[in-house]
Amino acid sequence: MTQFQQWLREHHVTEVECIVADINGIARGKILPGEKFLRSLEDDSLRLPESIFIQTVTGDYPEEDVIDPIDRDIRLRPDFNSIRLVPWYPEPTAQVIADCVYHDGSPVEISARHVLRRVLALYEEKGWKPVVAPELEFFLTKINEDPDYPLVPPVGRSRRQETARQSFGIDAVNEFDPIFEDVYDWCEAQGIDIDTLTHEAGAAQMEINFNHGDALELADQAFLFKRTLRQAALKHGIYATFMAKPMENEPGSSMHVHQSVYSFETGRNLFSNADGEASELFHWFIGGLQKFLPAAMPLLAPNVNSYRRLRRWSTAPINVHWGIENRTVGLRVPISSPDSRRVENRIAGADANPYLAIAASLACGWLGMVGEIEPTDPIKGSAYRLAQTLPQQMPDALRKLHQSGPLKEVLGESFVEVLLAVKQAEHDAYQRVISSWEREHLLLNV
């Protein structure tokens, strides 16, 4: 507690947001006056209902009971390493990410942050340390007050909307300089280590890259970055969205994750041999990704909208082939020095919970390394000419995860049970919706 007390006083903090990421990566938690936050650490009174981890994206719950006892309290354990100022509030306010435990001190296994910790512990047992670097794509859009209307690009400094593709356009990014100046300032204030900003292929679609580092720390940063960007956009009267496919005729948004594995003992990149050539562990890591990623799709493509992105010729992958400097495959290996050899998983959507997407990718790679799973040969040319092997709809993805014993064991049986129930409930809710497409094309024609 002394660390928290000193930090809050040094920063003159009056309020604290104690937050956790739910299964969809939505920030939930409690806001407390600074002194009450400190007292809650003393008397262990900082609690939430466990049911926040089975809440759907619409705020509902699965019909069946997937946790027992139902809706018991869990205790929050704020992680001091995650405390940061919230830069968009006028009054000094802190935010801190919490881990969750039961009353006996055991971890809440259905917490997204714990799922990632669980996977990282498997690496640590082997003396391995994963290093990751996420890349997040997103769209800026005009304020959309009626969800029945399509999203459209916002008006920038030129007072005109983008109407053409502006990949890597400098002036196109500068249209929204006031927003990104706030984003960079706010990220610096929070210790969020973002790097490059580029314009992507869609109208007002951008990408932010994170510098590589510890997997849990990068997941925390990606989680907080999403909130930061949304707040910066709202300050300037527009939306920022991480939907995987927000606009019908524009490309989707991804969360590419660059991954490598280092030795705790020597600090050497285990994806390269001493002679600089690719190692067996490197190939086995790819083999694990190829074998298990289709079953991990509910963590990488968690919403019904996610699967609209994964279409042939859409700039998103449709299979788990791998290749060198090939952006049509699911698993791209950039040309790099031996110490920087890595695999870029291009399958996850920007809508994925960062903790779960990183956990899923590392879990698949770990299964490949311990199981010595050989990959296919790298392909040359377009992977779009080959069969689509990734699930095209959520029910197929849920079925594959349900049938994958090894992946369920690594991620945690109780977590997977909850994930499947939540995602099934979300899909059932979606199935009750009648879309404008159906009204337009079926109402008077069938």
Protein backbone atom coordinates (compact mmCIF):
# COMPACT_ATOMS: atom_id res chain seq x y z
CA MET A 1 0.00 0.00 0.00
CA THR A 2 2.87 2.38 0.75
CA GLN A 3 3.80 2.50 -2.96
CA PHE A 4 0.25 3.50 -3.93
CA GLN A 5 0.03 6.06 -1.15
CA GLN A 6 3.29 7.72 -2.14
CA TRP A 7 2.40 7.72 -5.86
CA LEU A 8 -1.07 9.23 -5.33
CA ARG A 9 0.34 11.98 -3.11
CA GLU A 10 3.19 12.80 -5.49
CA HIS A 11 0.69 13.21 -8.34
CA HIS A 12 -1.96 14.97 -6.20
CA VAL A 13 -4.54 12.39 -7.29
CA THR A 14 -8.10 12.91 -6.11
CA GLU A 15 -9.78 9.90 -7.79
CA VAL A 16 -8.73 6.41 -8.83
CA GLU A 17 -10.25 4.24 -11.54
CA CYS A 18 -9.62 0.59 -10.69
CA ILE A 19 -10.26 -1.31 -13.91
CA VAL A 20 -10.31 -4.81 -15.34
CA ALA A 21 -10.83 -6.00 -18.91
CA ASP A 22 -13.91 -8.17 -19.36
CA ILE A 23 -14.06 -11.00 -21.89
CA ASN A 24 -14.63 -8.51 -24.73
CA GLY A 25 -11.85 -6.18 -23.62
CA ILE A 26 -14.30 -3.59 -22.24
CA ALA A 27 -12.99 -1.65 -19.23
CA ARG A 28 -15.06 -2.35 -16.14
CA GLY A 29 -14.43 -1.57 -12.49
CA LYS A 30 -14.91 1.08 -9.83
CA ILE A 31 -14.10 4.77 -9.40
CA LEU A 32 -13.09 5.79 -5.89
CA PRO A 33 -11.78 8.89 -4.12
CA GLY A 34 -8.04 8.52 -3.62
CA GLU A 35 -8.21 8.10 0.16
CA LYS A 36 -11.01 5.54 -0.08
CA PHE A 37 -8.97 3.59 -2.62
CA LEU A 38 -6.09 3.42 -0.14
CA ARG A 39 -8.43 2.31 2.67
CA SER A 40 -9.87 -0.39 0.42
CA LEU A 41 -6.38 -1.83 0.02
CA GLU A 42 -6.01 -1.96 3.80
CA ASP A 43 -9.34 -3.64 4.56
CA ASP A 44 -9.53 -5.69 1.33
CA SER A 45 -12.91 -4.22 0.44
CA LEU A 46 -12.28 -3.58 -3.25
CA ARG A 47 -14.57 -6.12 -4.89
CA LEU A 48 -16.66 -6.79 -7.98
CA PRO A 49 -19.19 -9.49 -8.89
CA GLU A 50 -17.63 -12.36 -10.81
CA SER A 51 -20.45 -12.07 -13.34
CA ILE A 52 -18.68 -9.18 -15.09
CA PHE A 53 -16.58 -11.86 -16.78
CA ILE A 54 -19.62 -13.57 -18.29
CA GLN A 55 -21.27 -10.37 -19.51
CA THR A 56 -21.88 -10.21 -23.23
CA VAL A 57 -21.03 -7.22 -25.40
CA THR A 58 -24.73 -6.22 -25.23
CA GLY A 59 -24.75 -6.33 -21.42
CA ASP A 60 -26.66 -9.61 -21.18
CA TYR A 61 -25.65 -13.00 -19.80
CA PRO A 62 -25.78 -16.60 -21.06
CA GLU A 63 -28.98 -18.35 -20.11
CA GLU A 64 -27.19 -21.35 -18.60
CA ASP A 65 -25.20 -21.09 -15.37
CA VAL A 66 -21.53 -21.18 -16.34
CA ILE A 67 -20.09 -20.08 -12.99
CA ASP A 68 -20.85 -21.57 -9.59
CA PRO A 69 -21.69 -20.22 -7.11
CA ILE A 70 -23.56 -17.65 -9.15
CA ASP A 71 -22.38 -14.04 -8.90
CA ARG A 72 -20.09 -14.29 -5.90
CA ASP A 73 -17.80 -11.39 -5.09
CA ILE A 74 -14.20 -11.43 -6.21
CA ARG A 75 -11.41 -9.30 -4.78
CA LEU A 76 -9.38 -6.84 -6.84
CA ARG A 77 -5.62 -6.74 -6.52
CA PRO A 78 -4.43 -3.52 -8.21
CA ASP A 79 -1.12 -4.00 -10.03
CA PHE A 80 1.15 -1.10 -9.02
CA ASN A 81 3.18 -1.53 -12.21
CA SER A 82 0.09 -0.53 -14.20
CA ILE A 83 -0.83 2.71 -12.40
CA ARG A 84 -1.01 5.76 -14.65
CA LEU A 85 -2.58 9.19 -14.77
CA VAL A 86 -5.72 9.61 -16.87
CA PRO A 87 -4.65 12.59 -19.00
CA TRP A 88 -8.03 13.63 -20.41
CA TYR A 89 -9.58 14.57 -17.05
CA PRO A 90 -9.18 18.13 -15.69
CA GLU A 91 -8.71 16.85 -12.12
CA PRO A 92 -5.72 14.59 -11.31
CA THR A 93 -7.12 11.08 -11.72
CA ALA A 94 -5.30 7.75 -11.71
CA GLN A 95 -6.16 4.48 -13.42
CA VAL A 96 -4.81 1.13 -12.31
CA ILE A 97 -5.37 -2.31 -13.78
CA ALA A 98 -6.31 -4.98 -11.26
CA ASP A 99 -5.88 -8.72 -11.14
CA CYS A 100 -8.76 -10.67 -9.64
CA VAL A 101 -8.71 -13.36 -6.94
CA TYR A 102 -11.23 -15.35 -4.95
CA HIS A 103 -11.52 -15.02 -1.17
CA ASP A 104 -8.95 -17.79 -0.68
CA GLY A 105 -6.43 -15.88 -2.80
CA SER A 106 -6.61 -18.16 -5.85
CA PRO A 107 -6.79 -16.41 -9.23
CA VAL A 108 -10.05 -15.90 -11.11
CA GLU A 109 -9.29 -18.15 -14.06
CA ILE A 110 -11.94 -16.62 -16.30
CA SER A 111 -10.27 -13.19 -16.12
CA ALA A 112 -8.69 -12.25 -19.48
CA ARG A 113 -5.52 -10.93 -17.84
CA HIS A 114 -5.11 -14.18 -15.92
CA VAL A 115 -5.49 -16.23 -19.12
CA LEU A 116 -2.46 -14.41 -20.53
CA ARG A 117 -0.56 -14.84 -17.26
CA ARG A 118 -1.36 -18.56 -17.39
CA VAL A 119 0.13 -18.92 -20.88
CA LEU A 120 3.20 -16.88 -19.96
CA ALA A 121 3.79 -19.14 -16.95
CA LEU A 122 4.07 -22.12 -19.33
CA TYR A 123 6.81 -20.30 -21.24
CA GLU A 124 8.58 -19.39 -18.01
CA GLU A 125 8.66 -23.06 -16.94
CA LYS A 126 10.67 -23.75 -20.10
CA GLY A 127 13.01 -20.80 -19.57
CA TRP A 128 11.42 -18.95 -22.48
CA LYS A 129 10.33 -15.31 -22.63
CA PRO A 130 7.93 -14.21 -25.38
CA VAL A 131 8.39 -10.74 -26.84
CA VAL A 132 5.52 -9.18 -28.78
CA ALA A 133 4.72 -6.04 -30.73
CA PRO A 134 1.05 -5.38 -31.60
CA GLU A 135 -0.11 -3.25 -34.52
CA LEU A 136 -3.63 -1.84 -34.20
CA GLU A 137 -5.71 -0.60 -37.11
CA PHE A 138 -8.78 1.59 -36.63
CA PHE A 139 -11.19 3.87 -38.45
CA LEU A 140 -12.12 7.45 -37.69
CA THR A 141 -15.76 8.13 -38.54
CA LYS A 142 -18.33 10.85 -38.40
CA ILE A 143 -20.55 10.79 -35.31
CA ASN A 144 -23.26 8.21 -35.96
CA GLU A 145 -26.38 8.94 -33.91
CA ASP A 146 -28.59 6.37 -35.64
CA PRO A 147 -27.12 2.84 -35.86
CA ASP A 148 -29.44 2.05 -38.79
CA TYR A 149 -27.32 4.35 -40.97
CA PRO A 150 -23.90 3.28 -42.33
CA LEU A 151 -20.74 4.81 -40.95
CA VAL A 152 -19.04 7.46 -43.10
CA PRO A 153 -15.59 9.08 -42.95
CA PRO A 154 -15.30 12.23 -40.84
CA VAL A 155 -14.50 15.71 -42.10
CA GLY A 156 -10.86 16.63 -41.52
CA ARG A 157 -9.00 19.94 -41.55
CA SER A 158 -9.73 20.41 -45.27
CA ARG A 159 -13.46 20.23 -44.40
CA ARG A 160 -13.87 17.41 -46.91
CA GLN A 161 -14.30 13.69 -46.44
CA GLU A 162 -11.87 11.15 -47.86
CA THR A 163 -13.32 9.50 -50.93
CA ALA A 164 -10.30 7.56 -52.23
CA ARG A 165 -7.77 5.13 -50.79
CA GLN A 166 -4.83 6.94 -49.23
CA SER A 167 -2.45 4.15 -48.14
CA PHE A 168 0.56 5.65 -46.34
CA GLY A 169 -0.60 9.14 -47.29
CA ILE A 170 1.12 11.75 -45.12
CA ASP A 171 -1.31 14.58 -45.88
CA ALA A 172 -4.23 12.22 -45.27
CA VAL A 173 -2.97 11.59 -41.73
CA ASN A 174 -2.37 15.32 -41.25
CA GLU A 175 -6.07 15.89 -41.82
CA PHE A 176 -6.52 14.71 -38.23
CA ASP A 177 -3.37 16.13 -36.64
CA PRO A 178 -5.19 17.67 -33.65
CA ILE A 179 -6.45 14.23 -32.65
CA PHE A 180 -3.11 12.51 -33.02
CA GLU A 181 -1.27 15.27 -31.20
CA ASP A 182 -3.54 14.52 -28.22
CA VAL A 183 -3.05 10.79 -28.68
CA TYR A 184 0.74 11.04 -28.60
CA ASP A 185 0.69 13.43 -25.64
CA TRP A 186 -1.76 11.28 -23.70
CA CYS A 187 0.11 8.08 -24.48
CA GLU A 188 3.37 9.65 -23.30
CA ALA A 189 1.67 10.71 -20.07
CA GLN A 190 0.52 7.11 -19.53
CA GLY A 191 3.76 5.40 -20.53
CA ILE A 192 2.08 3.78 -23.54
CA ASP A 193 5.00 3.11 -25.89
CA ILE A 194 3.49 3.71 -29.32
CA ASP A 195 5.73 4.08 -32.32
CA THR A 196 4.72 4.58 -35.94
CA LEU A 197 1.45 6.11 -37.16
CA THR A 198 0.45 5.40 -40.75
CA HIS A 199 -2.61 5.75 -42.96
CA GLU A 200 -4.02 2.39 -43.98
CA ALA A 201 -5.97 1.39 -47.09
CA GLY A 202 -9.45 2.42 -45.94
CA ALA A 203 -10.95 5.90 -45.91
CA ALA A 204 -9.77 7.53 -42.64
CA GLN A 205 -8.29 4.18 -41.57
CA MET A 206 -5.06 4.40 -39.56
CA GLU A 207 -2.59 2.08 -37.87
CA ILE A 208 -0.55 2.56 -34.70
CA ASN A 209 2.45 0.31 -34.01
CA PHE A 210 3.72 -0.47 -30.53
CA ASN A 211 7.38 -1.01 -29.70
CA HIS A 212 8.21 -4.63 -28.86
CA GLY A 213 8.38 -5.79 -25.28
CA ASP A 214 6.93 -7.93 -22.50
CA ALA A 215 3.67 -9.61 -23.53
CA LEU A 216 1.64 -8.66 -20.43
CA GLU A 217 2.85 -5.07 -20.49
CA LEU A 218 2.03 -4.74 -24.20
CA ALA A 219 -1.44 -6.21 -23.64
CA ASP A 220 -2.00 -3.63 -20.89
CA GLN A 221 -0.84 -0.88 -23.22
CA ALA A 222 -3.06 -1.99 -26.11
CA PHE A 223 -6.03 -2.23 -23.74
CA LEU A 224 -5.43 1.31 -22.46
CA PHE A 225 -4.63 2.67 -25.93
CA LYS A 226 -8.06 1.75 -27.26
CA ARG A 227 -9.67 3.80 -24.51
CA THR A 228 -7.23 6.66 -25.05
CA LEU A 229 -7.89 6.89 -28.78
CA ARG A 230 -11.67 6.84 -28.34
CA GLN A 231 -11.46 9.67 -25.81
CA ALA A 232 -9.19 11.75 -28.07
CA ALA A 233 -11.55 11.30 -31.01
CA LEU A 234 -14.61 12.23 -28.94
CA LYS A 235 -12.84 15.38 -27.74
CA HIS A 236 -12.68 16.45 -31.40
CA GLY A 237 -16.24 15.47 -32.25
CA ILE A 238 -15.71 12.18 -34.12
CA TYR A 239 -15.63 8.46 -33.38
CA ALA A 240 -12.69 6.09 -33.37
CA THR A 241 -13.71 2.47 -33.85
CA PHE A 242 -11.86 -0.84 -33.61
CA MET A 243 -14.66 -2.81 -35.24
CA ALA A 244 -13.15 -5.46 -37.49
CA LYS A 245 -15.31 -4.43 -40.47
CA PRO A 246 -17.09 -1.13 -39.80
CA MET A 247 -17.73 -0.09 -43.43
CA GLU A 248 -19.19 -2.22 -46.20
CA ASN A 249 -16.86 -1.22 -49.04
CA GLU A 250 -13.69 -0.60 -47.04
CA PRO A 251 -11.08 -3.07 -45.81
CA GLY A 252 -11.27 -4.39 -42.27
CA SER A 253 -9.11 -3.52 -39.28
CA SER A 254 -6.65 -5.98 -37.79
CA MET A 255 -4.44 -6.41 -34.77
CA HIS A 256 -1.24 -7.92 -36.15
CA VAL A 257 0.98 -9.40 -33.44
CA HIS A 258 4.72 -9.79 -34.02
CA GLN A 259 6.10 -12.57 -31.82
CA SER A 260 9.50 -13.96 -30.95
CA VAL A 261 10.78 -16.06 -28.05
CA TYR A 262 13.96 -15.37 -26.10
CA SER A 263 15.94 -17.34 -23.54
CA PHE A 264 15.61 -16.10 -19.96
CA GLU A 265 19.12 -17.36 -19.27
CA THR A 266 21.07 -16.01 -22.23
CA GLY A 267 18.78 -13.33 -23.68
CA ARG A 268 19.19 -14.91 -27.12
CA ASN A 269 16.41 -15.08 -29.68
CA LEU A 270 15.51 -18.78 -29.76
CA PHE A 271 14.07 -18.46 -33.26
CA SER A 272 17.65 -18.30 -34.61
CA ASN A 273 20.54 -20.75 -34.32
CA ALA A 274 24.08 -19.66 -33.51
CA ASP A 275 24.84 -19.53 -37.22
CA GLY A 276 21.94 -17.14 -37.80
CA GLU A 277 19.69 -19.68 -39.55
CA ALA A 278 16.09 -20.31 -38.47
CA SER A 279 15.89 -22.75 -35.56
CA GLU A 280 13.72 -25.80 -35.03
CA LEU A 281 11.82 -23.89 -32.32
CA PHE A 282 11.01 -21.23 -34.89
CA HIS A 283 9.54 -23.78 -37.28
CA TRP A 284 7.72 -25.63 -34.50
CA PHE A 285 6.22 -22.33 -33.31
CA ILE A 286 4.82 -21.78 -36.81
CA GLY A 287 3.64 -25.39 -36.91
CA GLY A 288 1.68 -24.84 -33.69
CA LEU A 289 0.11 -21.68 -35.05
CA GLN A 290 -0.93 -23.48 -38.21
CA LYS A 291 -2.47 -26.39 -36.36
CA PHE A 292 -4.31 -24.58 -33.55
CA LEU A 293 -5.16 -21.06 -34.76
CA PRO A 294 -8.40 -22.15 -36.49
CA ALA A 295 -9.61 -23.42 -33.10
CA ALA A 296 -8.43 -20.22 -31.38
CA MET A 297 -10.56 -18.00 -33.62
CA PRO A 298 -13.14 -17.08 -30.93
CA LEU A 299 -10.29 -15.22 -29.21
CA LEU A 300 -8.95 -13.64 -32.41
CA ALA A 301 -12.27 -12.95 -34.16
CA PRO A 302 -14.62 -12.60 -31.19
CA ASN A 303 -17.67 -10.95 -32.77
CA VAL A 304 -20.11 -11.73 -35.55
CA ASN A 305 -18.72 -8.71 -37.38
CA SER A 306 -15.17 -10.13 -37.15
CA TYR A 307 -15.79 -12.71 -39.88
CA ARG A 308 -16.83 -10.09 -42.43
CA ARG A 309 -13.17 -9.04 -42.52
CA LEU A 310 -11.77 -12.48 -43.36
CA ARG A 311 -12.62 -12.57 -47.04
CA ARG A 312 -10.59 -13.44 -50.12
CA TRP A 313 -8.74 -10.48 -51.73
CA SER A 314 -9.68 -8.31 -48.75
CA THR A 315 -6.16 -7.54 -47.35
CA ALA A 316 -6.99 -9.95 -44.51
CA PRO A 317 -5.87 -13.61 -44.40
CA ILE A 318 -8.16 -16.54 -45.11
CA ASN A 319 -5.81 -19.39 -44.12
CA VAL A 320 -2.78 -20.24 -41.96
CA HIS A 321 -0.13 -20.51 -44.65
CA TRP A 322 3.16 -18.78 -43.94
CA GLY A 323 5.67 -17.01 -46.12
CA ILE A 324 8.62 -14.64 -46.15
CA GLU A 325 7.58 -11.00 -46.63
CA ASN A 326 4.18 -12.13 -47.88
CA ARG A 327 1.19 -10.08 -46.72
CA THR A 328 -1.45 -12.40 -48.17
CA VAL A 329 -0.71 -15.20 -45.67
CA GLY A 330 -1.94 -15.57 -42.12
CA LEU A 331 1.62 -15.91 -40.80
CA ARG A 332 4.17 -13.50 -42.25
CA VAL A 333 7.89 -13.69 -41.50
CA PRO A 334 9.53 -10.30 -42.07
CA ILE A 335 13.11 -10.21 -43.33
CA SER A 336 15.22 -9.32 -40.30
CA SER A 337 18.49 -9.93 -38.52
CA PRO A 338 18.80 -13.27 -36.65
CA ASP A 339 18.31 -11.49 -33.31
CA SER A 340 15.04 -9.97 -34.55
CA ARG A 341 13.60 -13.07 -36.25
CA ARG A 342 9.87 -13.11 -35.57
CA VAL A 343 6.49 -14.28 -36.80
CA GLU A 344 3.70 -11.81 -37.55
CA ASN A 345 0.28 -13.28 -36.83
CA ARG A 346 -2.03 -11.33 -39.17
CA ILE A 347 -5.27 -13.09 -38.28
CA ALA A 348 -6.61 -11.23 -35.21
CA GLY A 349 -9.06 -8.40 -35.72
CA ALA A 350 -8.71 -5.01 -34.07
CA ASP A 351 -11.86 -5.85 -32.11
CA ALA A 352 -10.11 -8.67 -30.23
CA ASN A 353 -9.40 -8.39 -26.52
CA PRO A 354 -5.61 -7.77 -26.53
CA TYR A 355 -5.01 -10.08 -23.56
CA LEU A 356 -6.86 -12.95 -25.20
CA ALA A 357 -5.49 -12.42 -28.72
CA ILE A 358 -1.90 -12.42 -27.47
CA ALA A 359 -2.60 -15.36 -25.14
CA ALA A 360 -4.18 -17.38 -27.96
CA SER A 361 -1.33 -16.78 -30.39
CA LEU A 362 1.34 -17.60 -27.81
CA ALA A 363 -0.60 -20.67 -26.67
CA CYS A 364 -0.70 -22.05 -30.20
CA GLY A 365 3.01 -21.38 -30.65
CA TRP A 366 3.81 -23.03 -27.29
CA LEU A 367 1.86 -26.14 -28.27
CA GLY A 368 3.87 -26.27 -31.47
CA MET A 369 7.22 -25.96 -29.70
CA VAL A 370 6.54 -28.55 -27.00
CA GLY A 371 4.85 -30.87 -29.49
CA GLU A 372 7.56 -30.36 -32.13
CA ILE A 373 4.93 -29.73 -34.79
CA GLU A 374 6.43 -29.31 -38.24
CA PRO A 375 4.97 -26.53 -40.39
CA THR A 376 4.13 -26.71 -44.06
CA ASP A 377 6.61 -25.28 -46.53
CA PRO A 378 6.44 -21.48 -46.89
CA ILE A 379 4.44 -20.40 -49.89
CA LYS A 380 5.32 -17.97 -52.64
CA GLY A 381 2.75 -15.91 -54.42
CA SER A 382 -0.74 -15.12 -53.24
CA ALA A 383 -2.32 -17.23 -50.50
CA TYR A 384 -5.71 -16.09 -51.79
CA ARG A 385 -5.46 -18.65 -54.60
CA LEU A 386 -5.55 -21.40 -51.94
CA ALA A 387 -8.46 -22.73 -49.91
CA GLN A 388 -9.97 -20.77 -47.05
CA THR A 389 -9.27 -22.81 -43.92
CA LEU A 390 -10.11 -20.23 -41.26
CA PRO A 391 -13.71 -20.32 -39.98
CA GLN A 392 -16.03 -18.05 -41.93
CA GLN A 393 -18.71 -17.73 -39.25
CA MET A 394 -18.74 -17.70 -35.46
CA PRO A 395 -20.59 -21.06 -34.98
CA ASP A 396 -17.82 -22.86 -36.90
CA ALA A 397 -15.17 -21.16 -34.77
CA LEU A 398 -16.94 -22.05 -31.53
CA ARG A 399 -17.24 -25.67 -32.63
CA LYS A 400 -13.53 -25.90 -33.43
CA LEU A 401 -12.54 -24.48 -30.04
CA HIS A 402 -14.93 -26.81 -28.23
CA GLN A 403 -13.28 -29.78 -29.96
CA SER A 404 -9.68 -28.72 -29.29
CA GLY A 405 -8.59 -30.47 -26.11
CA PRO A 406 -4.97 -29.22 -26.10
CA LEU A 407 -5.96 -25.58 -26.55
CA LYS A 408 -8.65 -25.78 -23.87
CA GLU A 409 -6.11 -27.23 -21.45
CA VAL A 410 -3.57 -24.46 -22.08
CA LEU A 411 -6.10 -21.62 -21.88
CA GLY A 412 -8.04 -23.15 -18.97
CA GLU A 413 -11.11 -25.36 -19.18
CA SER A 414 -13.26 -23.02 -17.08
CA PHE A 415 -12.31 -19.99 -19.16
CA VAL A 416 -13.08 -21.74 -22.44
CA GLU A 417 -16.47 -22.88 -21.08
CA VAL A 418 -17.34 -19.28 -20.22
CA LEU A 419 -16.04 -17.93 -23.53
CA LEU A 420 -18.08 -20.42 -25.54
CA ALA A 421 -21.23 -19.62 -23.55
CA VAL A 422 -20.79 -15.84 -23.87
CA LYS A 423 -20.08 -15.97 -27.59
CA GLN A 424 -22.99 -18.34 -28.21
CA ALA A 425 -25.28 -15.92 -26.36
CA GLU A 426 -23.99 -13.04 -28.48
CA HIS A 427 -24.52 -15.00 -31.69
CA ASP A 428 -28.05 -15.95 -30.59
CA ALA A 429 -28.81 -12.25 -29.98
CA TYR A 430 -27.45 -11.36 -33.42
CA GLN A 431 -29.60 -14.03 -35.07
CA ARG A 432 -32.71 -12.26 -33.77
CA VAL A 433 -31.82 -9.07 -35.68
CA ILE A 434 -33.41 -8.44 -39.10
CA SER A 435 -30.97 -6.42 -41.18
CA SER A 436 -31.65 -3.64 -43.68
CA TRP A 437 -30.24 -5.92 -46.41
CA GLU A 438 -33.01 -8.44 -45.72
CA ARG A 439 -35.69 -5.76 -45.78
CA GLU A 440 -34.31 -4.29 -49.00
CA HIS A 441 -33.88 -7.49 -51.00
CA LEU A 442 -36.42 -9.92 -49.53
CA LEU A 443 -39.37 -7.83 -48.38
CA LEU A 444 -41.08 -7.52 -51.79
CA ASN A 445 -39.17 -10.11 -53.82
CA VAL A 446 -39.67 -13.47 -52.16
